[in-house]
Amino acid sequence: MFEKTQRMNRLYDYYHELLTAKQQQYLDLYYQEDYSLSEIATLFSISRQAVHDNIHRSEQTLEQYEDTLHLLENEDERQRRGSEVLAACEAAAVDAQIVAQIRALLAVGNRE
């Protein structure tokens, strides 16, 4: 469950602006604010099943965006390759300034 939550949060970070306002609200409350389905249902005066269905469809939509655009996959690949470059530079005793700049580049990707 933790892996799914983490993935949904990352997908949401990349693609939330492509969702409807209602989808954004439900996903934000569910994944970011840790509201239960019942709490969201009460907040919007709808059934728990309606919230569940909306969140499920929104998750599918996020996955479809990722299947098409590959932003998350590409970021993970950039991070992996950057880490490999960093390790190779450290092993080869490359100039400390270069290693520091590579670390800074990798940190930028982790903040987004």
N, C-alpha and C. Protein backbone atom coordinates (compact mmCIF):
# COMPACT_ATOMS: atom_id res chain seq x y z
N MET A 1 0.83 -1.20 0.00
CA MET A 1 0.00 0.00 0.00
C MET A 1 0.86 1.26 0.00
N PHE A 2 1.98 1.21 0.76
CA PHE A 2 2.85 2.38 0.82
C PHE A 2 3.40 2.71 -0.56
N GLU A 3 3.79 1.68 -1.33
CA GLU A 3 4.33 1.91 -2.66
C GLU A 3 3.30 2.55 -3.57
N LYS A 4 2.05 2.11 -3.46
CA LYS A 4 0.99 2.69 -4.29
C LYS A 4 0.78 4.15 -3.92
N THR A 5 0.74 4.44 -2.62
CA THR A 5 0.54 5.81 -2.17
C THR A 5 1.69 6.70 -2.65
N GLN A 6 2.89 6.19 -2.52
CA GLN A 6 4.06 6.96 -2.96
C GLN A 6 3.99 7.21 -4.48
N ARG A 7 3.65 6.19 -5.24
CA ARG A 7 3.54 6.35 -6.70
C ARG A 7 2.45 7.35 -7.05
N MET A 8 1.29 7.24 -6.42
CA MET A 8 0.19 8.15 -6.72
C MET A 8 0.57 9.59 -6.37
N ASN A 9 1.27 9.78 -5.26
CA ASN A 9 1.71 11.13 -4.91
C ASN A 9 2.66 11.69 -5.96
N ARG A 10 3.56 10.85 -6.45
CA ARG A 10 4.50 11.31 -7.48
C ARG A 10 3.77 11.61 -8.79
N LEU A 11 2.86 10.72 -9.18
CA LEU A 11 2.08 10.97 -10.40
C LEU A 11 1.25 12.24 -10.26
N TYR A 12 0.66 12.42 -9.08
CA TYR A 12 -0.14 13.62 -8.82
C TYR A 12 0.73 14.87 -8.95
N ASP A 13 1.95 14.82 -8.43
CA ASP A 13 2.85 15.97 -8.54
C ASP A 13 3.10 16.35 -10.00
N TYR A 14 3.25 15.36 -10.85
CA TYR A 14 3.52 15.62 -12.26
C TYR A 14 2.28 16.03 -13.04
N TYR A 15 1.15 15.39 -12.79
CA TYR A 15 0.01 15.50 -13.69
C TYR A 15 -1.25 16.13 -13.10
N HIS A 16 -1.21 16.63 -11.87
CA HIS A 16 -2.45 17.09 -11.23
C HIS A 16 -3.15 18.20 -12.00
N GLU A 17 -2.40 19.02 -12.70
CA GLU A 17 -3.03 20.12 -13.43
C GLU A 17 -3.85 19.63 -14.62
N LEU A 18 -3.67 18.38 -15.01
CA LEU A 18 -4.44 17.81 -16.12
C LEU A 18 -5.76 17.20 -15.63
N LEU A 19 -5.94 17.11 -14.33
CA LEU A 19 -7.17 16.56 -13.75
C LEU A 19 -8.21 17.65 -13.57
N THR A 20 -9.46 17.23 -13.42
CA THR A 20 -10.51 18.20 -13.10
C THR A 20 -10.33 18.70 -11.67
N ALA A 21 -10.97 19.80 -11.36
CA ALA A 21 -10.88 20.36 -10.00
C ALA A 21 -11.38 19.34 -8.97
N LYS A 22 -12.46 18.65 -9.27
CA LYS A 22 -13.02 17.66 -8.35
C LYS A 22 -12.04 16.50 -8.14
N GLN A 23 -11.44 16.01 -9.22
CA GLN A 23 -10.45 14.94 -9.09
C GLN A 23 -9.27 15.40 -8.24
N GLN A 24 -8.83 16.62 -8.46
CA GLN A 24 -7.73 17.16 -7.67
C GLN A 24 -8.10 17.21 -6.19
N GLN A 25 -9.30 17.67 -5.89
CA GLN A 25 -9.74 17.76 -4.49
C GLN A 25 -9.74 16.39 -3.82
N TYR A 26 -10.36 15.42 -4.48
CA TYR A 26 -10.47 14.09 -3.89
C TYR A 26 -9.09 13.46 -3.69
N LEU A 27 -8.24 13.53 -4.71
CA LEU A 27 -6.92 12.93 -4.59
C LEU A 27 -6.07 13.65 -3.55
N ASP A 28 -6.18 14.96 -3.51
CA ASP A 28 -5.42 15.73 -2.52
C ASP A 28 -5.84 15.34 -1.11
N LEU A 29 -7.12 15.27 -0.88
CA LEU A 29 -7.60 14.89 0.45
C LEU A 29 -7.22 13.45 0.80
N TYR A 30 -7.34 12.56 -0.16
CA TYR A 30 -7.09 11.14 0.11
C TYR A 30 -5.60 10.84 0.27
N TYR A 31 -4.79 11.33 -0.65
CA TYR A 31 -3.37 10.97 -0.63
C TYR A 31 -2.49 11.97 0.12
N GLN A 32 -2.78 13.25 -0.01
CA GLN A 32 -1.93 14.26 0.63
C GLN A 32 -2.34 14.51 2.08
N GLU A 33 -3.64 14.60 2.32
CA GLU A 33 -4.14 14.93 3.66
C GLU A 33 -4.54 13.70 4.47
N ASP A 34 -4.51 12.52 3.85
CA ASP A 34 -4.79 11.25 4.51
C ASP A 34 -6.22 11.15 5.05
N TYR A 35 -7.16 11.74 4.33
CA TYR A 35 -8.57 11.58 4.69
C TYR A 35 -9.04 10.19 4.28
N SER A 36 -9.98 9.64 5.02
CA SER A 36 -10.59 8.37 4.63
C SER A 36 -11.66 8.63 3.57
N LEU A 37 -12.09 7.56 2.91
CA LEU A 37 -13.18 7.71 1.93
C LEU A 37 -14.43 8.25 2.60
N SER A 38 -14.71 7.77 3.80
CA SER A 38 -15.91 8.23 4.53
C SER A 38 -15.82 9.71 4.88
N GLU A 39 -14.65 10.15 5.28
CA GLU A 39 -14.48 11.57 5.62
C GLU A 39 -14.68 12.46 4.39
N ILE A 40 -14.16 12.02 3.26
CA ILE A 40 -14.35 12.79 2.03
C ILE A 40 -15.82 12.79 1.63
N ALA A 41 -16.47 11.64 1.76
CA ALA A 41 -17.90 11.54 1.42
C ALA A 41 -18.73 12.48 2.27
N THR A 42 -18.43 12.54 3.55
CA THR A 42 -19.15 13.44 4.45
C THR A 42 -18.90 14.89 4.08
N LEU A 43 -17.67 15.22 3.76
CA LEU A 43 -17.30 16.59 3.40
C LEU A 43 -18.07 17.07 2.18
N PHE A 44 -18.29 16.19 1.21
CA PHE A 44 -18.95 16.57 -0.04
C PHE A 44 -20.41 16.13 -0.11
N SER A 45 -20.91 15.54 0.96
CA SER A 45 -22.30 15.07 1.04
C SER A 45 -22.63 14.11 -0.10
N ILE A 46 -21.75 13.15 -0.32
CA ILE A 46 -21.98 12.11 -1.32
C ILE A 46 -21.67 10.76 -0.68
N SER A 47 -21.94 9.69 -1.41
CA SER A 47 -21.70 8.36 -0.85
C SER A 47 -20.21 8.01 -0.86
N ARG A 48 -19.86 7.12 0.03
CA ARG A 48 -18.49 6.63 0.10
C ARG A 48 -18.12 5.96 -1.21
N GLN A 49 -19.08 5.23 -1.80
CA GLN A 49 -18.84 4.55 -3.08
C GLN A 49 -18.55 5.54 -4.19
N ALA A 50 -19.23 6.67 -4.19
CA ALA A 50 -18.97 7.70 -5.22
C ALA A 50 -17.55 8.25 -5.09
N VAL A 51 -17.10 8.44 -3.88
CA VAL A 51 -15.72 8.90 -3.65
C VAL A 51 -14.75 7.84 -4.13
N HIS A 52 -15.00 6.59 -3.74
CA HIS A 52 -14.13 5.49 -4.16
C HIS A 52 -14.03 5.42 -5.68
N ASP A 53 -15.17 5.50 -6.36
CA ASP A 53 -15.19 5.41 -7.82
C ASP A 53 -14.43 6.58 -8.45
N ASN A 54 -14.61 7.77 -7.91
CA ASN A 54 -13.92 8.94 -8.45
C ASN A 54 -12.41 8.82 -8.25
N ILE A 55 -11.99 8.39 -7.09
CA ILE A 55 -10.55 8.24 -6.82
C ILE A 55 -9.97 7.15 -7.73
N HIS A 56 -10.68 6.06 -7.88
CA HIS A 56 -10.21 4.97 -8.75
C HIS A 56 -10.06 5.45 -10.19
N ARG A 57 -11.06 6.16 -10.71
CA ARG A 57 -10.97 6.70 -12.08
C ARG A 57 -9.83 7.71 -12.20
N SER A 58 -9.63 8.51 -11.17
CA SER A 58 -8.55 9.50 -11.19
C SER A 58 -7.19 8.82 -11.19
N GLU A 59 -7.05 7.75 -10.43
CA GLU A 59 -5.80 6.98 -10.43
C GLU A 59 -5.53 6.41 -11.82
N GLN A 60 -6.56 5.87 -12.43
CA GLN A 60 -6.41 5.33 -13.78
C GLN A 60 -6.00 6.43 -14.77
N THR A 61 -6.58 7.60 -14.61
CA THR A 61 -6.25 8.73 -15.47
C THR A 61 -4.79 9.12 -15.31
N LEU A 62 -4.32 9.18 -14.06
CA LEU A 62 -2.91 9.51 -13.82
C LEU A 62 -2.00 8.47 -14.47
N GLU A 63 -2.35 7.19 -14.34
CA GLU A 63 -1.54 6.13 -14.96
C GLU A 63 -1.56 6.24 -16.48
N GLN A 64 -2.70 6.63 -17.05
CA GLN A 64 -2.76 6.80 -18.50
C GLN A 64 -1.87 7.96 -18.95
N TYR A 65 -1.87 9.04 -18.19
CA TYR A 65 -0.97 10.16 -18.52
C TYR A 65 0.48 9.70 -18.49
N GLU A 66 0.84 8.92 -17.48
CA GLU A 66 2.21 8.44 -17.37
C GLU A 66 2.54 7.47 -18.51
N ASP A 67 1.59 6.61 -18.88
CA ASP A 67 1.81 5.69 -20.00
C ASP A 67 2.06 6.44 -21.30
N THR A 68 1.47 7.61 -21.43
CA THR A 68 1.61 8.41 -22.64
C THR A 68 2.84 9.32 -22.59
N LEU A 69 3.04 9.99 -21.46
CA LEU A 69 4.07 11.03 -21.38
C LEU A 69 5.39 10.58 -20.75
N HIS A 70 5.36 9.59 -19.92
CA HIS A 70 6.56 9.00 -19.30
C HIS A 70 7.40 9.98 -18.48
N LEU A 71 6.80 10.99 -17.89
CA LEU A 71 7.57 11.97 -17.12
C LEU A 71 8.21 11.36 -15.88
N LEU A 72 7.46 10.56 -15.16
CA LEU A 72 7.99 9.91 -13.95
C LEU A 72 9.07 8.89 -14.31
N GLU A 73 8.80 8.10 -15.32
CA GLU A 73 9.78 7.10 -15.77
C GLU A 73 11.08 7.78 -16.21
N ASN A 74 10.95 8.86 -16.97
CA ASN A 74 12.15 9.57 -17.45
C ASN A 74 12.92 10.20 -16.29
N GLU A 75 12.23 10.73 -15.30
CA GLU A 75 12.91 11.31 -14.14
C GLU A 75 13.66 10.23 -13.36
N ASP A 76 13.03 9.08 -13.19
CA ASP A 76 13.70 7.98 -12.50
C ASP A 76 14.95 7.55 -13.26
N GLU A 77 14.87 7.50 -14.57
CA GLU A 77 16.02 7.13 -15.39
C GLU A 77 17.13 8.18 -15.28
N ARG A 78 16.77 9.46 -15.30
CA ARG A 78 17.78 10.52 -15.13
C ARG A 78 18.47 10.39 -13.78
N GLN A 79 17.71 10.12 -12.74
CA GLN A 79 18.29 9.96 -11.41
C GLN A 79 19.22 8.75 -11.37
N ARG A 80 18.82 7.65 -11.97
CA ARG A 80 19.64 6.44 -11.98
C ARG A 80 20.95 6.70 -12.72
N ARG A 81 20.85 7.31 -13.88
CA ARG A 81 22.06 7.57 -14.67
C ARG A 81 22.96 8.59 -13.97
N GLY A 82 22.37 9.60 -13.38
CA GLY A 82 23.16 10.59 -12.64
C GLY A 82 23.91 9.96 -11.49
N SER A 83 23.25 9.04 -10.79
CA SER A 83 23.91 8.34 -9.68
C SER A 83 25.07 7.49 -10.17
N GLU A 84 24.89 6.89 -11.33
CA GLU A 84 25.98 6.11 -11.92
C GLU A 84 27.17 7.00 -12.28
N VAL A 85 26.88 8.16 -12.86
CA VAL A 85 27.95 9.10 -13.21
C VAL A 85 28.67 9.57 -11.95
N LEU A 86 27.90 9.88 -10.93
CA LEU A 86 28.48 10.33 -9.66
C LEU A 86 29.40 9.25 -9.08
N ALA A 87 28.93 8.02 -9.05
CA ALA A 87 29.74 6.92 -8.52
C ALA A 87 31.02 6.74 -9.33
N ALA A 88 30.92 6.84 -10.65
CA ALA A 88 32.10 6.70 -11.50
C ALA A 88 33.10 7.84 -11.25
N CYS A 89 32.59 9.04 -11.08
CA CYS A 89 33.47 10.19 -10.82
C CYS A 89 34.17 10.05 -9.47
N GLU A 90 33.41 9.62 -8.47
CA GLU A 90 34.02 9.44 -7.15
C GLU A 90 35.08 8.33 -7.19
N ALA A 91 34.80 7.26 -7.91
CA ALA A 91 35.74 6.15 -8.00
C ALA A 91 37.01 6.55 -8.75
N ALA A 92 36.85 7.47 -9.71
CA ALA A 92 38.00 7.90 -10.51
C ALA A 92 38.70 9.10 -9.91
N ALA A 93 38.29 9.50 -8.72
CA ALA A 93 38.88 10.65 -8.01
C ALA A 93 38.83 11.92 -8.87
N VAL A 94 37.67 12.16 -9.48
CA VAL A 94 37.46 13.36 -10.28
C VAL A 94 37.44 14.58 -9.36
N ASP A 95 37.77 15.71 -9.90
CA ASP A 95 37.81 16.98 -9.18
C ASP A 95 36.58 17.13 -8.27
N ALA A 96 36.81 17.55 -7.04
CA ALA A 96 35.74 17.68 -6.04
C ALA A 96 34.65 18.65 -6.49
N GLN A 97 34.99 19.69 -7.22
CA GLN A 97 33.98 20.66 -7.69
C GLN A 97 33.02 19.99 -8.68
N ILE A 98 33.54 19.15 -9.54
CA ILE A 98 32.68 18.44 -10.50
C ILE A 98 31.74 17.50 -9.77
N VAL A 99 32.27 16.77 -8.82
CA VAL A 99 31.44 15.85 -8.03
C VAL A 99 30.36 16.63 -7.29
N ALA A 100 30.70 17.77 -6.73
CA ALA A 100 29.72 18.61 -6.01
C ALA A 100 28.62 19.09 -6.96
N GLN A 101 28.99 19.45 -8.18
CA GLN A 101 27.99 19.90 -9.15
C GLN A 101 27.06 18.76 -9.57
N ILE A 102 27.60 17.57 -9.72
CA ILE A 102 26.76 16.42 -10.05
C ILE A 102 25.78 16.14 -8.91
N ARG A 103 26.28 16.21 -7.68
CA ARG A 103 25.39 16.03 -6.51
C ARG A 103 24.27 17.07 -6.51
N ALA A 104 24.62 18.32 -6.83
CA ALA A 104 23.62 19.40 -6.86
C ALA A 104 22.58 19.13 -7.94
N LEU A 105 23.00 18.65 -9.10
CA LEU A 105 22.04 18.31 -10.17
C LEU A 105 21.11 17.21 -9.73
N LEU A 106 21.62 16.20 -9.09
CA LEU A 106 20.78 15.11 -8.61
C LEU A 106 19.80 15.60 -7.54
N ALA A 107 20.22 16.52 -6.71
CA ALA A 107 19.35 17.06 -5.65
C ALA A 107 18.19 17.85 -6.25
N VAL A 108 18.44 18.56 -7.34
CA VAL A 108 17.37 19.34 -7.99
C VAL A 108 16.24 18.42 -8.41
N GLY A 109 16.57 17.29 -9.00
CA GLY A 109 15.55 16.34 -9.42
C GLY A 109 14.77 15.76 -8.27
N ASN A 110 15.41 15.60 -7.11
CA ASN A 110 14.73 15.03 -5.94
C ASN A 110 13.80 16.02 -5.26
N ARG A 111 14.00 17.31 -5.46
CA ARG A 111 13.14 18.31 -4.81
C ARG A 111 11.84 18.50 -5.55
N GLU A 112 11.80 18.17 -6.82
CA GLU A 112 10.61 18.44 -7.64
C GLU A 112 9.54 17.42 -7.45
